[in-house]
Every structure is written in C-alpha cells, then in structure tokens.
C-alpha atoms as a PDB file:
ATOM      1  CA  MET A   1     -78.878  26.516  33.122  1.00  0.00           C
ATOM      2  CA  GLY A   2     -77.596  23.807  35.255  1.00  0.00           C
ATOM      3  CA  GLY A   3     -74.795  26.070  36.407  1.00  0.00           C
ATOM      4  CA  SER A   4     -77.231  28.529  37.974  1.00  0.00           C
ATOM      5  CA  HIS A   5     -78.999  25.726  39.992  1.00  0.00           C
ATOM      6  CA  ARG A   6     -75.613  24.561  41.272  1.00  0.00           C
ATOM      7  CA  THR A   7     -74.742  28.143  42.278  1.00  0.00           C
ATOM      8  CA  THR A   8     -77.926  28.477  44.321  1.00  0.00           C
ATOM      9  CA  GLU A   9     -77.510  25.107  45.959  1.00  0.00           C
ATOM     10  CA  ARG A  10     -73.845  26.136  46.836  1.00  0.00           C
ATOM     11  CA  SER A  11     -74.935  29.488  48.256  1.00  0.00           C
ATOM     12  CA  ARG A  12     -77.595  27.851  50.341  1.00  0.00           C
ATOM     13  CA  SER A  13     -75.326  25.108  51.760  1.00  0.00           C
ATOM     14  CA  GLY A  14     -72.565  27.787  52.308  1.00  0.00           C
ATOM     15  CA  ALA A  15     -74.895  30.009  54.683  1.00  0.00           C
ATOM     16  CA  PRO A  16     -74.570  27.957  57.732  1.00  0.00           C
ATOM     17  CA  GLY A  17     -70.832  28.120  57.277  1.00  0.00           C
ATOM     18  CA  ARG A  18     -70.866  31.833  56.728  1.00  0.00           C
ATOM     19  CA  VAL A  19     -73.100  32.312  59.879  1.00  0.00           C
ATOM     20  CA  LEU A  20     -70.707  30.188  61.897  1.00  0.00           C
ATOM     21  CA  ARG A  21     -67.739  31.994  60.698  1.00  0.00           C
ATOM     22  CA  TRP A  22     -69.406  35.307  61.739  1.00  0.00           C
ATOM     23  CA  VAL A  23     -70.287  33.811  65.207  1.00  0.00           C
ATOM     24  CA  VAL A  24     -66.766  32.679  65.725  1.00  0.00           C
ATOM     25  CA  ALA A  25     -65.404  35.957  64.484  1.00  0.00           C
ATOM     26  CA  LEU A  26     -67.776  37.831  66.835  1.00  0.00           C
ATOM     27  CA  ALA A  27     -66.735  35.433  69.778  1.00  0.00           C
ATOM     28  CA  MET A  28     -63.064  35.943  69.123  1.00  0.00           C
ATOM     29  CA  LEU A  29     -63.652  39.813  68.890  1.00  0.00           C
ATOM     30  CA  GLY A  30     -65.472  39.545  72.381  1.00  0.00           C
ATOM     31  CA  ALA A  31     -62.615  37.545  73.808  1.00  0.00           C
ATOM     32  CA  VAL A  32     -60.104  40.008  72.448  1.00  0.00           C
ATOM     33  CA  GLY A  33     -62.127  42.912  74.003  1.00  0.00           C
ATOM     34  CA  LEU A  34     -62.450  41.296  77.397  1.00  0.00           C
ATOM     35  CA  ALA A  35     -58.600  40.502  77.261  1.00  0.00           C
ATOM     36  CA  VAL A  36     -57.966  44.197  76.612  1.00  0.00           C
ATOM     37  CA  ALA A  37     -60.345  45.278  79.423  1.00  0.00           C
ATOM     38  CA  VAL A  38     -58.919  42.716  81.975  1.00  0.00           C
ATOM     39  CA  ALA A  39     -55.378  42.628  81.171  1.00  0.00           C
ATOM     40  CA  LEU A  40     -54.021  45.252  78.713  1.00  0.00           C
ATOM     41  CA  VAL A  41     -55.784  48.442  79.924  1.00  0.00           C
ATOM     42  CA  PRO A  42     -54.896  47.807  83.683  1.00  0.00           C
ATOM     43  CA  ALA A  43     -51.296  47.051  82.651  1.00  0.00           C
ATOM     44  CA  VAL A  44     -50.861  50.181  80.688  1.00  0.00           C
ATOM     45  CA  ALA A  45     -52.615  52.429  83.234  1.00  0.00           C
ATOM     46  CA  GLY A  46     -50.857  50.953  86.278  1.00  0.00           C
ATOM     47  CA  GLY A  47     -54.023  49.208  87.374  1.00  0.00           C
ATOM     48  CA  THR A  48     -54.650  45.607  88.766  1.00  0.00           C
ATOM     49  CA  ALA A  49     -57.494  43.290  87.824  1.00  0.00           C
ATOM     50  CA  LEU A  50     -58.936  41.123  90.692  1.00  0.00           C
ATOM     51  CA  THR A  51     -61.756  38.549  90.854  1.00  0.00           C
ATOM     52  CA  VAL A  52     -64.609  39.116  93.124  1.00  0.00           C
ATOM     53  CA  LEU A  53     -64.951  35.946  95.296  1.00  0.00           C
ATOM     54  CA  SER A  54     -67.438  36.840  97.937  1.00  0.00           C
ATOM     55  CA  PRO A  55     -71.027  38.362  97.904  1.00  0.00           C
ATOM     56  CA  SER A  56     -70.229  41.069 100.337  1.00  0.00           C
ATOM     57  CA  MET A  57     -70.494  43.787  97.729  1.00  0.00           C
ATOM     58  CA  ARG A  58     -73.578  42.528  95.799  1.00  0.00           C
ATOM     59  CA  GLY A  59     -75.441  45.116  94.309  1.00  0.00           C
ATOM     60  CA  THR A  60     -72.185  46.806  93.011  1.00  0.00           C
ATOM     61  CA  LEU A  61     -69.906  43.639  92.556  1.00  0.00           C
ATOM     62  CA  ALA A  62     -70.956  40.095  92.243  1.00  0.00           C
ATOM     63  CA  PRO A  63     -68.878  36.976  92.790  1.00  0.00           C
ATOM     64  CA  GLY A  64     -67.173  36.296  89.408  1.00  0.00           C
ATOM     65  CA  ASP A  65     -66.917  39.980  88.350  1.00  0.00           C
ATOM     66  CA  VAL A  66     -63.454  41.318  87.695  1.00  0.00           C
ATOM     67  CA  VAL A  67     -62.825  44.652  89.365  1.00  0.00           C
ATOM     68  CA  VAL A  68     -60.021  46.756  88.143  1.00  0.00           C
ATOM     69  CA  ILE A  69     -58.318  49.029  90.605  1.00  0.00           C
ATOM     70  CA  ARG A  70     -55.720  51.608  90.271  1.00  0.00           C
ATOM     71  CA  PRO A  71     -53.693  53.495  92.686  1.00  0.00           C
ATOM     72  CA  ARG A  72     -54.764  56.855  94.106  1.00  0.00           C
ATOM     73  CA  PRO A  73     -53.224  59.008  96.767  1.00  0.00           C
ATOM     74  CA  VAL A  74     -55.004  58.264 100.139  1.00  0.00           C
ATOM     75  CA  GLU A  75     -55.612  61.816 100.613  1.00  0.00           C
ATOM     76  CA  GLY A  76     -57.964  61.750  97.519  1.00  0.00           C
ATOM     77  CA  ILE A  77     -60.101  58.864  98.802  1.00  0.00           C
ATOM     78  CA  ALA A  78     -63.564  59.933 100.051  1.00  0.00           C
ATOM     79  CA  ALA A  79     -66.615  58.225 101.574  1.00  0.00           C
ATOM     80  CA  GLY A  80     -68.391  56.406  98.952  1.00  0.00           C
ATOM     81  CA  ASP A  81     -65.216  55.318  97.020  1.00  0.00           C
ATOM     82  CA  VAL A  82     -64.848  51.601  96.687  1.00  0.00           C
ATOM     83  CA  ILE A  83     -61.191  50.487  97.793  1.00  0.00           C
ATOM     84  CA  THR A  84     -59.234  47.433  97.630  1.00  0.00           C
ATOM     85  CA  PHE A  85     -57.049  46.826 100.768  1.00  0.00           C
ATOM     86  CA  LEU A  86     -55.239  44.222 102.812  1.00  0.00           C
ATOM     87  CA  ALA A  87     -57.404  43.132 105.795  1.00  0.00           C
ATOM     88  CA  ARG A  88     -55.179  41.996 108.665  1.00  0.00           C
ATOM     89  CA  ASP A  89     -56.325  39.246 110.924  1.00  0.00           C
ATOM     90  CA  PRO A  90     -55.058  40.209 114.352  1.00  0.00           C
ATOM     91  CA  MET A  91     -55.303  36.662 115.603  1.00  0.00           C
ATOM     92  CA  SER A  92     -53.210  34.886 112.987  1.00  0.00           C
ATOM     93  CA  SER A  93     -51.115  37.672 111.406  1.00  0.00           C
ATOM     94  CA  SER A  94     -52.532  36.653 108.093  1.00  0.00           C
ATOM     95  CA  THR A  95     -53.853  39.122 105.483  1.00  0.00           C
ATOM     96  CA  ARG A  96     -56.543  38.971 102.642  1.00  0.00           C
ATOM     97  CA  VAL A  97     -57.557  41.255  99.874  1.00  0.00           C
ATOM     98  CA  VAL A  98     -60.858  42.955 100.351  1.00  0.00           C
ATOM     99  CA  THR A  99     -62.911  45.442  98.161  1.00  0.00           C
ATOM    100  CA  HIS A 100     -65.370  47.409 100.126  1.00  0.00           C
ATOM    101  CA  ARG A 101     -66.942  50.822 100.302  1.00  0.00           C
ATOM    102  CA  VAL A 102     -65.348  53.565 102.267  1.00  0.00           C
ATOM    103  CA  VAL A 103     -68.135  54.729 104.716  1.00  0.00           C
ATOM    104  CA  GLU A 104     -66.008  57.229 106.771  1.00  0.00           C
ATOM    105  CA  VAL A 105     -62.586  58.797 106.313  1.00  0.00           C
ATOM    106  CA  GLN A 106     -60.879  59.292 109.800  1.00  0.00           C
ATOM    107  CA  PRO A 107     -57.693  61.409 110.491  1.00  0.00           C
ATOM    108  CA  GLY A 108     -54.501  59.858 109.617  1.00  0.00           C
ATOM    109  CA  PRO A 109     -56.150  59.139 107.078  1.00  0.00           C
ATOM    110  CA  SER A 110     -57.766  55.692 107.898  1.00  0.00           C
ATOM    111  CA  PHE A 111     -60.937  54.354 106.517  1.00  0.00           C
ATOM    112  CA  ARG A 112     -64.030  52.689 107.872  1.00  0.00           C
ATOM    113  CA  THR A 113     -65.392  50.291 105.218  1.00  0.00           C
ATOM    114  CA  ARG A 114     -68.417  48.126 104.634  1.00  0.00           C
ATOM    115  CA  GLY A 115     -69.500  45.649 101.905  1.00  0.00           C
ATOM    116  CA  ASP A 116     -72.595  46.960 100.170  1.00  0.00           C
ATOM    117  CA  ALA A 117     -74.462  43.828 101.052  1.00  0.00           C
ATOM    118  CA  ASN A 118     -73.464  43.908 104.720  1.00  0.00           C
ATOM    119  CA  GLN A 119     -75.573  45.405 107.539  1.00  0.00           C
ATOM    120  CA  ASP A 120     -72.528  46.678 109.562  1.00  0.00           C
ATOM    121  CA  ALA A 121     -69.257  48.385 108.917  1.00  0.00           C
ATOM    122  CA  ASP A 122     -66.119  46.101 108.919  1.00  0.00           C
ATOM    123  CA  PRO A 123     -64.490  45.735 112.264  1.00  0.00           C
ATOM    124  CA  GLY A 124     -61.536  48.024 112.800  1.00  0.00           C
ATOM    125  CA  VAL A 125     -60.076  50.532 110.378  1.00  0.00           C
ATOM    126  CA  VAL A 126     -58.066  50.317 107.347  1.00  0.00           C
ATOM    127  CA  ALA A 127     -54.749  52.012 107.396  1.00  0.00           C
ATOM    128  CA  ALA A 128     -53.581  54.200 104.535  1.00  0.00           C
ATOM    129  CA  ALA A 129     -50.641  51.801 104.145  1.00  0.00           C
ATOM    130  CA  ASP A 130     -53.074  48.816 103.601  1.00  0.00           C
ATOM    131  CA  VAL A 131     -54.838  50.555 100.620  1.00  0.00           C
ATOM    132  CA  ARG A 132     -54.037  48.903  97.262  1.00  0.00           C
ATOM    133  CA  GLY A 133     -56.238  51.064  95.003  1.00  0.00           C
ATOM    134  CA  VAL A 134     -59.548  52.589  94.103  1.00  0.00           C
ATOM    135  CA  MET A 135     -62.110  50.689  92.000  1.00  0.00           C
ATOM    136  CA  TRP A 136     -61.892  52.013  88.345  1.00  0.00           C
ATOM    137  CA  TYR A 137     -64.262  49.866  86.668  1.00  0.00           C
ATOM    138  CA  ARG A 138     -65.697  46.166  86.720  1.00  0.00           C
ATOM    139  CA  VAL A 139     -66.086  43.499  84.034  1.00  0.00           C
ATOM    140  CA  PRO A 140     -68.982  41.320  84.927  1.00  0.00           C
ATOM    141  CA  TRP A 141     -68.771  37.378  85.044  1.00  0.00           C
ATOM    142  CA  VAL A 142     -65.378  37.220  83.552  1.00  0.00           C
ATOM    143  CA  GLY A 143     -63.514  36.287  86.649  1.00  0.00           C
ATOM    144  CA  GLY A 144     -66.084  33.531  87.490  1.00  0.00           C
ATOM    145  CA  VAL A 145     -65.375  31.787  84.163  1.00  0.00           C
ATOM    146  CA  ALA A 146     -61.676  32.122  84.652  1.00  0.00           C
ATOM    147  CA  VAL A 147     -61.872  30.578  88.227  1.00  0.00           C
ATOM    148  CA  LYS A 148     -63.962  27.826  87.011  1.00  0.00           C
ATOM    149  CA  LEU A 149     -61.509  26.973  84.161  1.00  0.00           C
ATOM    150  CA  MET A 150     -58.749  26.826  86.697  1.00  0.00           C
ATOM    151  CA  THR A 151     -60.256  23.800  88.186  1.00  0.00           C
ATOM    152  CA  PRO A 152     -59.327  20.407  86.660  1.00  0.00           C
ATOM    153  CA  ALA A 153     -62.911  19.809  85.648  1.00  0.00           C
ATOM    154  CA  GLY A 154     -63.252  23.276  84.171  1.00  0.00           C
ATOM    155  CA  ALA A 155     -60.022  23.116  82.333  1.00  0.00           C
ATOM    156  CA  VAL A 156     -61.218  19.787  80.600  1.00  0.00           C
ATOM    157  CA  THR A 157     -64.655  21.335  79.746  1.00  0.00           C
ATOM    158  CA  GLY A 158     -63.005  24.471  78.243  1.00  0.00           C
ATOM    159  CA  ALA A 159     -60.423  22.434  76.348  1.00  0.00           C
ATOM    160  CA  GLY A 160     -63.133  20.132  74.975  1.00  0.00           C
ATOM    161  CA  ALA A 161     -65.447  23.258  73.984  1.00  0.00           C
ATOM    162  CA  VAL A 162     -62.494  24.791  72.125  1.00  0.00           C
ATOM    163  CA  VAL A 163     -61.686  21.522  70.176  1.00  0.00           C
ATOM    164  CA  LEU A 164     -65.516  21.147  69.406  1.00  0.00           C
ATOM    165  CA  VAL A 165     -65.739  24.665  68.070  1.00  0.00           C
ATOM    166  CA  LEU A 166     -62.443  24.454  66.054  1.00  0.00           C
ATOM    167  CA  GLY A 167     -63.553  20.947  64.659  1.00  0.00           C
ATOM    168  CA  VAL A 168     -66.872  22.331  63.481  1.00  0.00           C
ATOM    169  CA  VAL A 169     -65.236  25.289  61.859  1.00  0.00           C
ATOM    170  CA  LEU A 170     -62.776  23.141  60.105  1.00  0.00           C
ATOM    171  CA  LEU A 171     -65.458  20.664  58.892  1.00  0.00           C
ATOM    172  CA  LEU A 172     -67.592  23.264  57.532  1.00  0.00           C
ATOM    173  CA  GLY A 173     -64.580  25.039  55.820  1.00  0.00           C
ATOM    174  CA  ALA A 174     -63.505  21.799  54.301  1.00  0.00           C
ATOM    175  CA  ARG A 175     -67.065  21.195  53.167  1.00  0.00           C
ATOM    176  CA  ASN A 176     -67.457  24.608  51.674  1.00  0.00           C
ATOM    177  CA  ARG A 177     -64.173  24.270  49.717  1.00  0.00           C
ATOM    178  CA  ARG A 178     -65.386  20.948  48.158  1.00  0.00           C
ATOM    179  CA  GLY A 179     -68.575  22.764  46.701  1.00  0.00           C
ATOM    180  CA  GLY A 180     -71.102  21.751  49.593  1.00  0.00           C
ATOM    181  CA  ALA A 181     -70.959  18.066  48.686  1.00  0.00           C
END
C-alpha cells in the first residue's frame, strides 16, 4: 500500500516538470517555425527577409516586423503592391532600403510610392532598376526581438534568459530522476 502512495506523490511532484517540458518543447517548436518562416523559406524561394525599422507603413507593417520579399518582374508590379526599393538621396549619393506601397505605375515603368502611415507620396519616383522585390508575407515582432538582441544589453539579457531556462529544465529533470525528493 505504501508503494501506491509513493507513486501518487511522485506523479504529483512530476507534473510541474512535465508542464515545463511541454512549455519548453512548444517554445522550441515556435522558434523552429519562426526560423523556417524568416530564413529557410525565403532562402529556398529566392526571397529576402528584412526588418522594418520605421513606422511609415504602420497599419500594414510595424517596426519590428520582418517582411519577406521576393523578386517579381517590374512589368508585373501594380498599384497597391508593397515593394522594397533602394531610395537614393540626391544630395549625398547614399541609399537606404525602403518598403512602401505603389500608388501609381508610370511609363518605363517607374513607381510612385507612399508609406501607408504617410499623408503624402514619397518625393521622386522609384526606377525599375531600384526595385528589390515585392512583399510576399510578414512575420510580426520577430525583427524587433532580433534587433534588441543585437545590442550589448539585449545579448546579455537573451543569454541570461537562455541560461535560466536551461538551468530550470536541468534541475527539474534531475529532481524527477531522483524520484521527486
């Protein structure tokens, strides 16, 4: 009879460990899913993943989202498409990568664009040669986490969180192997 009491006690003390293992397994599955969405799928399909840094497309894309673009012939780009392009600064000859919506297709073709959160169209037009791709899909928030983890403070916080989770998992696993003592 004493054995059944011990089994019940062991199963109760093992429940938090099982829950934690499920949570860790789900988190790992989610991380693998995000890695597939952000890295593997674009690589296989010829796309590129970019992190949104500004709020100019708020409503469609928020800072911290990852936007995945893929090439499309410029003749197939229409008003309403979200494109990524090199914006050239005529004053400094520098460029920056911008993702905005096409509001007008002009002969050539060239494109008038506007950020969804902006009142006015972007100055100038986007030349066909400057188009890098058309938005395929987005993954919310992931880029913001990645950007934060790339800072020294974020790297320390991320590493600390990983060590803490691994430590808890290892301690619970050891406790369960000893019989819940």
